[in-house]
Amino acid sequence: MISQTSRYALRILGFLSRANGARSRSGDIARETGIPANYLGKILNRLRKQGIVEGEKGWGGGFRLRPEARSLPIGEILAFFEGLESIHREDCAFGLPECSATNPCPLHPYWEGIRKLYRQMLSETTVEDLGKKTK
């Protein structure tokens, strides 16, 4: 449902969230997240330009999550990388253009429930939540 770039961005933000405000060098982030270094740099730069992370060059430098970004819903991150249509998906599970509540495809009731849960997850899950360990 989301692009590789967006998945990587969420992985980066989860890592930085776990760092609790400490700066992390891009090499460390790449190694810990499994993201190729050149790809990681491009994503970090986009996150920095958006004001989600801050970066500092030189000794003691690195990247860290801006404190105010911790409370951002991940839907905002995805909207930045994917566009708003990624959050408000209304497409048919079969790709039928005429599928609707009045003219449903066989999967429509199930797919509608999945879309609703997806939108709920995007609005209720925060960047800080990405850093929490799961069992």
Protein backbone atom coordinates (compact mmCIF):
# COMPACT_ATOMS: atom_id res chain seq x y z
CA MET A 1 0.00 0.00 0.00
CA ILE A 2 2.93 2.35 0.47
CA SER A 3 6.16 2.84 -1.46
CA GLN A 4 9.59 1.62 -0.46
CA THR A 5 10.64 5.23 0.18
CA SER A 6 7.79 5.72 2.65
CA ARG A 7 8.55 2.44 4.40
CA TYR A 8 12.17 3.53 4.73
CA ALA A 9 11.12 6.95 6.05
CA LEU A 10 8.99 5.31 8.74
CA ARG A 11 11.85 2.97 9.63
CA ILE A 12 14.22 5.95 9.95
CA LEU A 13 11.75 7.81 12.16
CA GLY A 14 11.29 4.75 14.36
CA PHE A 15 15.04 4.49 14.81
CA LEU A 16 15.39 8.20 15.63
CA SER A 17 12.44 8.00 18.02
CA ARG A 18 14.20 5.25 19.96
CA ALA A 19 17.33 7.45 20.15
CA ASN A 20 15.39 9.81 22.49
CA GLY A 21 16.84 13.05 21.15
CA ALA A 22 20.43 11.83 20.73
CA ARG A 23 22.06 12.53 17.38
CA SER A 24 22.72 9.55 15.12
CA ARG A 25 25.16 9.50 12.23
CA SER A 26 23.74 8.47 8.88
CA GLY A 27 26.10 5.46 8.70
CA ASP A 28 24.74 4.18 12.00
CA ILE A 29 21.16 4.71 10.86
CA ALA A 30 21.87 2.88 7.58
CA ARG A 31 23.48 -0.05 9.37
CA GLU A 32 20.74 -0.36 12.01
CA THR A 33 17.81 0.02 9.60
CA GLY A 34 19.23 -1.86 6.61
CA ILE A 35 18.60 1.10 4.31
CA PRO A 36 21.21 1.74 1.58
CA ALA A 37 23.31 4.76 2.60
CA ASN A 38 22.73 6.82 -0.56
CA TYR A 39 18.97 6.24 -0.40
CA LEU A 40 18.94 7.03 3.32
CA GLY A 41 20.68 10.36 2.69
CA LYS A 42 18.00 11.44 0.23
CA ILE A 43 15.19 10.51 2.62
CA LEU A 44 16.88 12.23 5.58
CA ASN A 45 17.30 15.36 3.47
CA ARG A 46 13.59 15.38 2.60
CA LEU A 47 12.67 14.84 6.26
CA ARG A 48 15.02 17.68 7.24
CA LYS A 49 13.53 20.07 4.67
CA GLN A 50 10.07 19.20 5.99
CA GLY A 51 11.17 20.07 9.56
CA ILE A 52 10.72 16.54 10.91
CA VAL A 53 14.39 15.87 11.63
CA GLU A 54 17.34 18.16 12.14
CA GLY A 55 20.87 17.51 11.03
CA GLU A 56 24.18 18.87 12.17
CA LYS A 57 27.50 18.39 10.38
CA GLY A 58 30.87 17.82 11.95
CA TRP A 59 32.11 16.35 15.20
CA GLY A 60 29.19 15.36 17.41
CA GLY A 61 26.83 15.90 14.51
CA GLY A 62 24.22 13.65 13.05
CA PHE A 63 20.47 13.53 12.77
CA ARG A 64 17.79 13.60 15.39
CA LEU A 65 14.05 13.75 15.49
CA ARG A 66 12.70 17.21 16.24
CA PRO A 67 10.75 17.06 19.54
CA GLU A 68 7.56 18.44 18.00
CA ALA A 69 7.66 15.74 15.30
CA ARG A 70 7.18 12.96 17.86
CA SER A 71 3.44 13.63 18.01
CA LEU A 72 2.91 13.72 14.24
CA PRO A 73 0.54 11.05 12.95
CA ILE A 74 2.28 8.79 10.46
CA GLY A 75 -0.41 9.70 7.93
CA GLU A 76 1.23 13.12 7.68
CA ILE A 77 4.55 11.50 6.88
CA LEU A 78 2.96 9.33 4.22
CA ALA A 79 1.09 12.30 2.77
CA PHE A 80 4.42 14.09 2.42
CA PHE A 81 6.03 11.17 0.57
CA GLU A 82 3.01 9.69 -1.23
CA GLY A 83 0.47 12.48 -1.49
CA LEU A 84 -2.92 12.80 0.17
CA GLU A 85 -4.49 10.21 -2.12
CA SER A 86 -2.47 7.50 -0.36
CA ILE A 87 -4.36 8.21 2.85
CA HIS A 88 -7.78 8.61 1.31
CA ARG A 89 -7.72 5.59 -0.95
CA GLU A 90 -11.11 4.88 -2.48
CA ASP A 91 -10.06 2.38 -5.11
CA CYS A 92 -11.74 -0.98 -5.60
CA ALA A 93 -9.98 -4.16 -4.49
CA PHE A 94 -10.51 -5.50 -8.03
CA GLY A 95 -9.66 -2.18 -9.66
CA LEU A 96 -13.19 -1.76 -11.01
CA PRO A 97 -14.04 1.86 -11.80
CA GLU A 98 -17.78 1.39 -11.16
CA CYS A 99 -17.46 -0.20 -7.70
CA SER A 100 -19.35 1.71 -5.00
CA ALA A 101 -21.70 1.18 -2.06
CA THR A 102 -24.62 1.06 -4.51
CA ASN A 103 -22.78 -1.08 -7.08
CA PRO A 104 -20.34 -3.16 -4.97
CA CYS A 105 -17.86 -5.74 -6.15
CA PRO A 106 -17.77 -9.05 -4.21
CA LEU A 107 -15.00 -7.76 -1.91
CA HIS A 108 -16.43 -4.27 -1.36
CA PRO A 109 -17.71 -4.75 2.22
CA TYR A 110 -14.40 -6.26 3.32
CA TRP A 111 -12.24 -3.75 1.46
CA GLU A 112 -14.23 -0.85 2.90
CA GLY A 113 -13.50 -2.14 6.41
CA ILE A 114 -9.79 -2.49 5.61
CA ARG A 115 -9.64 1.07 4.23
CA LYS A 116 -11.34 2.39 7.35
CA LEU A 117 -8.88 0.58 9.64
CA TYR A 118 -5.97 1.78 7.48
CA ARG A 119 -7.06 5.42 7.76
CA GLN A 120 -7.56 4.98 11.51
CA MET A 121 -4.06 3.55 11.89
CA LEU A 122 -2.56 6.44 9.91
CA SER A 123 -4.31 9.06 12.05
CA GLU A 124 -3.80 7.42 15.46
CA THR A 125 -0.24 6.08 15.16
CA THR A 126 2.39 8.73 15.85
CA VAL A 127 6.07 9.00 14.97
CA GLU A 128 6.82 8.30 18.63
CA ASP A 129 4.83 5.05 18.40
CA LEU A 130 7.20 3.88 15.66
CA GLY A 131 10.01 3.78 18.20
CA LYS A 132 8.20 1.54 20.65
CA LYS A 133 9.29 -2.05 20.82
CA THR A 134 6.71 -4.72 20.15
CA LYS A 135 6.63 -8.09 21.85
